[in-house]
Amino acid sequence: MILQEVLRLYPPVPVVARGSTQTVKLGNLTIPAGEHLKLLIAELHHDPEIRGDDAKEFKPQRFSKGISNAVTNSSSFVPFSWGSRIYIGQNFAMIEAKMVLAYKIGTWT
């Protein structure tokens, strides 16, 4: 829970850039072919409309029932990007972070 909350507050991938290959309509917005878009992941993770009024607070308990219950939709928690361009080392990075935490906790006792 703590690791997921840290990734939410401080995502390792701060910006995701994408380009459209064809004209796309998203709600009231039309994105023409060839347009480049940038998504600021930290802004998405800190949005009070998605996370609530405590969006900027460190509250690991929001992940107590798993990631799927902590988010409003599947694309609102994306610390390593998503889809076919997700960070290839995501699993390794998570295992490495858990090993470092376990080592640090073991040396404190």
N, C-alpha and C. Protein backbone atom coordinates (compact mmCIF):
# COMPACT_ATOMS: atom_id res chain seq x y z
N MET A 1 0.83 -1.19 0.00
CA MET A 1 0.00 0.00 0.00
C MET A 1 0.88 1.26 0.00
N ILE A 2 1.94 1.23 0.80
CA ILE A 2 2.82 2.39 0.88
C ILE A 2 3.51 2.63 -0.45
N LEU A 3 3.99 1.56 -1.08
CA LEU A 3 4.67 1.69 -2.36
C LEU A 3 3.72 2.24 -3.44
N GLN A 4 2.49 1.75 -3.47
CA GLN A 4 1.53 2.25 -4.46
C GLN A 4 1.21 3.72 -4.22
N GLU A 5 1.10 4.12 -2.96
CA GLU A 5 0.80 5.53 -2.65
C GLU A 5 1.97 6.43 -3.01
N VAL A 6 3.20 5.95 -2.80
CA VAL A 6 4.37 6.73 -3.21
C VAL A 6 4.40 6.88 -4.72
N LEU A 7 4.08 5.81 -5.45
CA LEU A 7 4.03 5.89 -6.92
C LEU A 7 2.92 6.82 -7.38
N ARG A 8 1.84 6.90 -6.63
CA ARG A 8 0.77 7.83 -6.99
C ARG A 8 1.22 9.27 -6.79
N LEU A 9 1.87 9.55 -5.66
CA LEU A 9 2.28 10.92 -5.38
C LEU A 9 3.49 11.35 -6.20
N TYR A 10 4.41 10.43 -6.45
CA TYR A 10 5.65 10.74 -7.18
C TYR A 10 5.86 9.72 -8.29
N PRO A 11 5.12 9.81 -9.39
CA PRO A 11 5.22 8.81 -10.44
C PRO A 11 6.60 8.83 -11.11
N PRO A 12 7.17 7.64 -11.40
CA PRO A 12 8.48 7.58 -12.05
C PRO A 12 8.45 8.06 -13.50
N VAL A 13 7.29 8.02 -14.13
CA VAL A 13 7.12 8.53 -15.49
C VAL A 13 6.26 9.79 -15.37
N PRO A 14 6.88 10.99 -15.37
CA PRO A 14 6.10 12.20 -15.11
C PRO A 14 5.20 12.65 -16.27
N VAL A 15 5.63 12.37 -17.51
CA VAL A 15 4.87 12.82 -18.68
C VAL A 15 4.80 11.70 -19.70
N VAL A 16 3.63 11.50 -20.28
CA VAL A 16 3.46 10.53 -21.37
C VAL A 16 3.09 11.33 -22.61
N ALA A 17 3.85 11.13 -23.68
CA ALA A 17 3.57 11.83 -24.94
C ALA A 17 3.05 10.82 -25.96
N ARG A 18 2.03 11.20 -26.68
CA ARG A 18 1.44 10.35 -27.70
C ARG A 18 1.10 11.22 -28.92
N GLY A 19 1.06 10.58 -30.08
CA GLY A 19 0.67 11.26 -31.30
C GLY A 19 -0.50 10.53 -31.94
N SER A 20 -1.43 11.27 -32.52
CA SER A 20 -2.59 10.64 -33.17
C SER A 20 -2.27 10.34 -34.63
N THR A 21 -2.66 9.18 -35.08
CA THR A 21 -2.42 8.79 -36.47
C THR A 21 -3.64 9.08 -37.35
N GLN A 22 -4.76 9.33 -36.70
CA GLN A 22 -5.99 9.68 -37.43
C GLN A 22 -6.81 10.64 -36.59
N THR A 23 -7.76 11.29 -37.17
CA THR A 23 -8.62 12.21 -36.44
C THR A 23 -9.48 11.43 -35.46
N VAL A 24 -9.47 11.91 -34.22
CA VAL A 24 -10.19 11.22 -33.13
C VAL A 24 -11.09 12.22 -32.43
N LYS A 25 -12.28 11.80 -32.06
CA LYS A 25 -13.20 12.64 -31.30
C LYS A 25 -13.29 12.10 -29.89
N LEU A 26 -12.92 12.92 -28.91
CA LEU A 26 -13.01 12.57 -27.50
C LEU A 26 -13.99 13.52 -26.83
N GLY A 27 -15.21 13.07 -26.64
CA GLY A 27 -16.24 13.94 -26.08
C GLY A 27 -16.50 15.10 -27.00
N ASN A 28 -16.29 16.33 -26.50
CA ASN A 28 -16.49 17.53 -27.31
C ASN A 28 -15.22 17.96 -28.03
N LEU A 29 -14.14 17.24 -27.84
CA LEU A 29 -12.83 17.61 -28.38
C LEU A 29 -12.50 16.77 -29.60
N THR A 30 -12.08 17.42 -30.69
CA THR A 30 -11.64 16.72 -31.89
C THR A 30 -10.13 16.88 -32.01
N ILE A 31 -9.42 15.76 -32.07
CA ILE A 31 -7.96 15.78 -32.19
C ILE A 31 -7.61 15.38 -33.61
N PRO A 32 -7.01 16.29 -34.39
CA PRO A 32 -6.68 15.98 -35.77
C PRO A 32 -5.49 15.02 -35.88
N ALA A 33 -5.40 14.34 -37.02
CA ALA A 33 -4.29 13.42 -37.27
C ALA A 33 -2.97 14.19 -37.22
N GLY A 34 -1.95 13.57 -36.62
CA GLY A 34 -0.63 14.18 -36.54
C GLY A 34 -0.43 15.07 -35.33
N GLU A 35 -1.45 15.26 -34.54
CA GLU A 35 -1.34 16.11 -33.34
C GLU A 35 -0.63 15.34 -32.23
N HIS A 36 0.22 16.03 -31.48
CA HIS A 36 0.94 15.42 -30.36
C HIS A 36 0.30 15.85 -29.05
N LEU A 37 0.09 14.90 -28.16
CA LEU A 37 -0.54 15.15 -26.87
C LEU A 37 0.41 14.76 -25.75
N LYS A 38 0.35 15.47 -24.65
CA LYS A 38 1.13 15.13 -23.46
C LYS A 38 0.18 15.02 -22.28
N LEU A 39 0.34 13.95 -21.51
CA LEU A 39 -0.44 13.73 -20.30
C LEU A 39 0.49 13.86 -19.11
N LEU A 40 0.19 14.77 -18.23
CA LEU A 40 0.97 14.94 -17.01
C LEU A 40 0.41 13.98 -15.97
N ILE A 41 1.12 12.90 -15.72
CA ILE A 41 0.62 11.85 -14.84
C ILE A 41 0.45 12.35 -13.41
N ALA A 42 1.37 13.17 -12.93
CA ALA A 42 1.24 13.69 -11.56
C ALA A 42 -0.04 14.50 -11.41
N GLU A 43 -0.41 15.26 -12.43
CA GLU A 43 -1.66 16.02 -12.37
C GLU A 43 -2.87 15.08 -12.32
N LEU A 44 -2.81 14.01 -13.09
CA LEU A 44 -3.88 13.01 -13.07
C LEU A 44 -4.00 12.37 -11.70
N HIS A 45 -2.87 12.04 -11.09
CA HIS A 45 -2.87 11.39 -9.78
C HIS A 45 -3.24 12.32 -8.63
N HIS A 46 -3.13 13.64 -8.85
CA HIS A 46 -3.44 14.61 -7.80
C HIS A 46 -4.76 15.35 -8.04
N ASP A 47 -5.53 14.91 -9.00
CA ASP A 47 -6.79 15.58 -9.34
C ASP A 47 -7.85 15.32 -8.27
N PRO A 48 -8.36 16.37 -7.60
CA PRO A 48 -9.38 16.19 -6.56
C PRO A 48 -10.69 15.61 -7.08
N GLU A 49 -11.01 15.81 -8.35
CA GLU A 49 -12.24 15.24 -8.91
C GLU A 49 -12.15 13.72 -9.01
N ILE A 50 -10.94 13.20 -9.17
CA ILE A 50 -10.74 11.75 -9.28
C ILE A 50 -10.44 11.14 -7.92
N ARG A 51 -9.59 11.79 -7.15
CA ARG A 51 -9.09 11.25 -5.88
C ARG A 51 -9.82 11.74 -4.64
N GLY A 52 -10.55 12.82 -4.76
CA GLY A 52 -11.21 13.40 -3.60
C GLY A 52 -10.42 14.57 -3.04
N ASP A 53 -10.92 15.15 -1.96
CA ASP A 53 -10.29 16.34 -1.38
C ASP A 53 -8.92 16.05 -0.78
N ASP A 54 -8.63 14.80 -0.46
CA ASP A 54 -7.34 14.45 0.13
C ASP A 54 -6.34 13.95 -0.91
N ALA A 55 -6.46 14.39 -2.15
CA ALA A 55 -5.63 13.90 -3.25
C ALA A 55 -4.14 14.18 -3.05
N LYS A 56 -3.80 15.25 -2.36
CA LYS A 56 -2.39 15.59 -2.18
C LYS A 56 -1.80 15.04 -0.88
N GLU A 57 -2.61 14.33 -0.12
CA GLU A 57 -2.16 13.77 1.15
C GLU A 57 -1.64 12.36 0.97
N PHE A 58 -0.68 11.98 1.82
CA PHE A 58 -0.13 10.63 1.84
C PHE A 58 -1.05 9.74 2.67
N LYS A 59 -1.83 8.90 1.99
CA LYS A 59 -2.79 8.01 2.67
C LYS A 59 -2.71 6.62 2.03
N PRO A 60 -1.78 5.79 2.47
CA PRO A 60 -1.65 4.45 1.88
C PRO A 60 -2.89 3.58 2.03
N GLN A 61 -3.74 3.87 3.03
CA GLN A 61 -4.93 3.05 3.23
C GLN A 61 -5.90 3.10 2.06
N ARG A 62 -5.74 4.06 1.15
CA ARG A 62 -6.63 4.09 -0.02
C ARG A 62 -6.40 2.87 -0.92
N PHE A 63 -5.23 2.19 -0.76
CA PHE A 63 -4.93 0.99 -1.53
C PHE A 63 -5.14 -0.29 -0.71
N SER A 64 -5.81 -0.20 0.43
CA SER A 64 -5.98 -1.36 1.32
C SER A 64 -6.81 -2.47 0.68
N LYS A 65 -7.69 -2.14 -0.24
CA LYS A 65 -8.52 -3.15 -0.91
C LYS A 65 -8.05 -3.40 -2.34
N GLY A 66 -6.80 -3.04 -2.65
CA GLY A 66 -6.24 -3.26 -3.97
C GLY A 66 -6.33 -2.02 -4.84
N ILE A 67 -5.60 -2.05 -5.93
CA ILE A 67 -5.55 -0.90 -6.84
C ILE A 67 -6.90 -0.65 -7.49
N SER A 68 -7.58 -1.70 -7.91
CA SER A 68 -8.85 -1.52 -8.62
C SER A 68 -9.91 -0.84 -7.76
N ASN A 69 -9.85 -1.00 -6.45
CA ASN A 69 -10.81 -0.34 -5.56
C ASN A 69 -10.35 1.05 -5.15
N ALA A 70 -9.09 1.39 -5.41
CA ALA A 70 -8.56 2.70 -5.01
C ALA A 70 -8.74 3.74 -6.10
N VAL A 71 -9.10 3.33 -7.31
CA VAL A 71 -9.21 4.25 -8.43
C VAL A 71 -10.63 4.28 -8.96
N THR A 72 -10.99 5.38 -9.62
CA THR A 72 -12.34 5.51 -10.17
C THR A 72 -12.48 4.78 -11.50
N ASN A 73 -11.41 4.72 -12.27
CA ASN A 73 -11.40 3.92 -13.50
C ASN A 73 -9.98 3.42 -13.74
N SER A 74 -9.83 2.47 -14.62
CA SER A 74 -8.55 1.79 -14.79
C SER A 74 -7.43 2.68 -15.31
N SER A 75 -7.76 3.80 -15.94
CA SER A 75 -6.70 4.66 -16.48
C SER A 75 -6.42 5.88 -15.60
N SER A 76 -6.88 5.85 -14.36
CA SER A 76 -6.61 7.00 -13.49
C SER A 76 -5.44 6.76 -12.54
N PHE A 77 -4.82 5.56 -12.57
CA PHE A 77 -3.60 5.28 -11.81
C PHE A 77 -2.62 4.63 -12.78
N VAL A 78 -1.69 5.41 -13.29
CA VAL A 78 -0.78 4.93 -14.33
C VAL A 78 0.67 5.36 -14.04
N PRO A 79 1.27 4.89 -12.94
CA PRO A 79 2.62 5.35 -12.61
C PRO A 79 3.67 4.97 -13.64
N PHE A 80 3.47 3.89 -14.39
CA PHE A 80 4.43 3.45 -15.39
C PHE A 80 3.88 3.55 -16.81
N SER A 81 2.91 4.42 -17.04
CA SER A 81 2.21 4.55 -18.31
C SER A 81 1.22 3.39 -18.42
N TRP A 82 0.70 3.11 -19.61
CA TRP A 82 -0.28 2.04 -19.78
C TRP A 82 -0.33 1.61 -21.24
N GLY A 83 -1.08 0.55 -21.49
CA GLY A 83 -1.28 0.06 -22.85
C GLY A 83 -0.05 -0.60 -23.43
N SER A 84 0.07 -0.55 -24.73
CA SER A 84 1.17 -1.22 -25.41
C SER A 84 2.52 -0.53 -25.17
N ARG A 85 2.51 0.67 -24.61
CA ARG A 85 3.76 1.39 -24.34
C ARG A 85 4.08 1.48 -22.86
N ILE A 86 3.56 0.57 -22.07
CA ILE A 86 3.85 0.56 -20.65
C ILE A 86 5.35 0.28 -20.45
N TYR A 87 5.91 0.82 -19.40
CA TYR A 87 7.33 0.65 -19.11
C TYR A 87 7.66 -0.83 -18.99
N ILE A 88 8.58 -1.30 -19.81
CA ILE A 88 8.88 -2.72 -19.88
C ILE A 88 9.50 -3.25 -18.59
N GLY A 89 10.15 -2.39 -17.83
CA GLY A 89 10.78 -2.82 -16.59
C GLY A 89 9.92 -2.64 -15.35
N GLN A 90 8.62 -2.46 -15.53
CA GLN A 90 7.73 -2.21 -14.40
C GLN A 90 7.81 -3.31 -13.35
N ASN A 91 7.72 -4.56 -13.76
CA ASN A 91 7.76 -5.66 -12.79
C ASN A 91 9.09 -5.71 -12.06
N PHE A 92 10.19 -5.53 -12.81
CA PHE A 92 11.51 -5.53 -12.18
C PHE A 92 11.64 -4.37 -11.20
N ALA A 93 11.17 -3.20 -11.58
CA ALA A 93 11.25 -2.02 -10.70
C ALA A 93 10.48 -2.24 -9.41
N MET A 94 9.31 -2.85 -9.49
CA MET A 94 8.50 -3.11 -8.29
C MET A 94 9.18 -4.14 -7.38
N ILE A 95 9.74 -5.21 -7.97
CA ILE A 95 10.45 -6.21 -7.16
C ILE A 95 11.68 -5.58 -6.51
N GLU A 96 12.42 -4.79 -7.26
CA GLU A 96 13.61 -4.14 -6.71
C GLU A 96 13.24 -3.20 -5.56
N ALA A 97 12.19 -2.43 -5.71
CA ALA A 97 11.75 -1.51 -4.65
C ALA A 97 11.36 -2.29 -3.39
N LYS A 98 10.66 -3.41 -3.55
CA LYS A 98 10.27 -4.23 -2.41
C LYS A 98 11.49 -4.83 -1.72
N MET A 99 12.50 -5.22 -2.50
CA MET A 99 13.72 -5.77 -1.92
C MET A 99 14.49 -4.71 -1.13
N VAL A 100 14.55 -3.51 -1.65
CA VAL A 100 15.23 -2.43 -0.94
C VAL A 100 14.51 -2.11 0.36
N LEU A 101 13.18 -2.04 0.30
CA LEU A 101 12.41 -1.79 1.53
C LEU A 101 12.61 -2.90 2.56
N ALA A 102 12.60 -4.15 2.10
CA ALA A 102 12.79 -5.27 3.02
C ALA A 102 14.19 -5.22 3.65
N TYR A 103 15.18 -4.88 2.85
CA TYR A 103 16.55 -4.78 3.37
C TYR A 103 16.65 -3.66 4.40
N LYS A 104 16.09 -2.49 4.08
CA LYS A 104 16.15 -1.35 4.99
C LYS A 104 15.43 -1.64 6.29
N ILE A 105 14.28 -2.28 6.20
CA ILE A 105 13.53 -2.63 7.42
C ILE A 105 14.33 -3.63 8.26
N GLY A 106 14.99 -4.58 7.60
CA GLY A 106 15.79 -5.58 8.30
C GLY A 106 17.00 -4.98 9.00
N THR A 107 17.57 -3.91 8.45
CA THR A 107 18.75 -3.30 9.06
C THR A 107 18.38 -2.34 10.19
N TRP A 108 17.13 -1.95 10.28
CA TRP A 108 16.70 -1.05 11.36
C TRP A 108 16.48 -1.77 12.69
N THR A 109 16.27 -3.08 12.63
CA THR A 109 15.97 -3.82 13.86
C THR A 109 17.21 -4.26 14.58
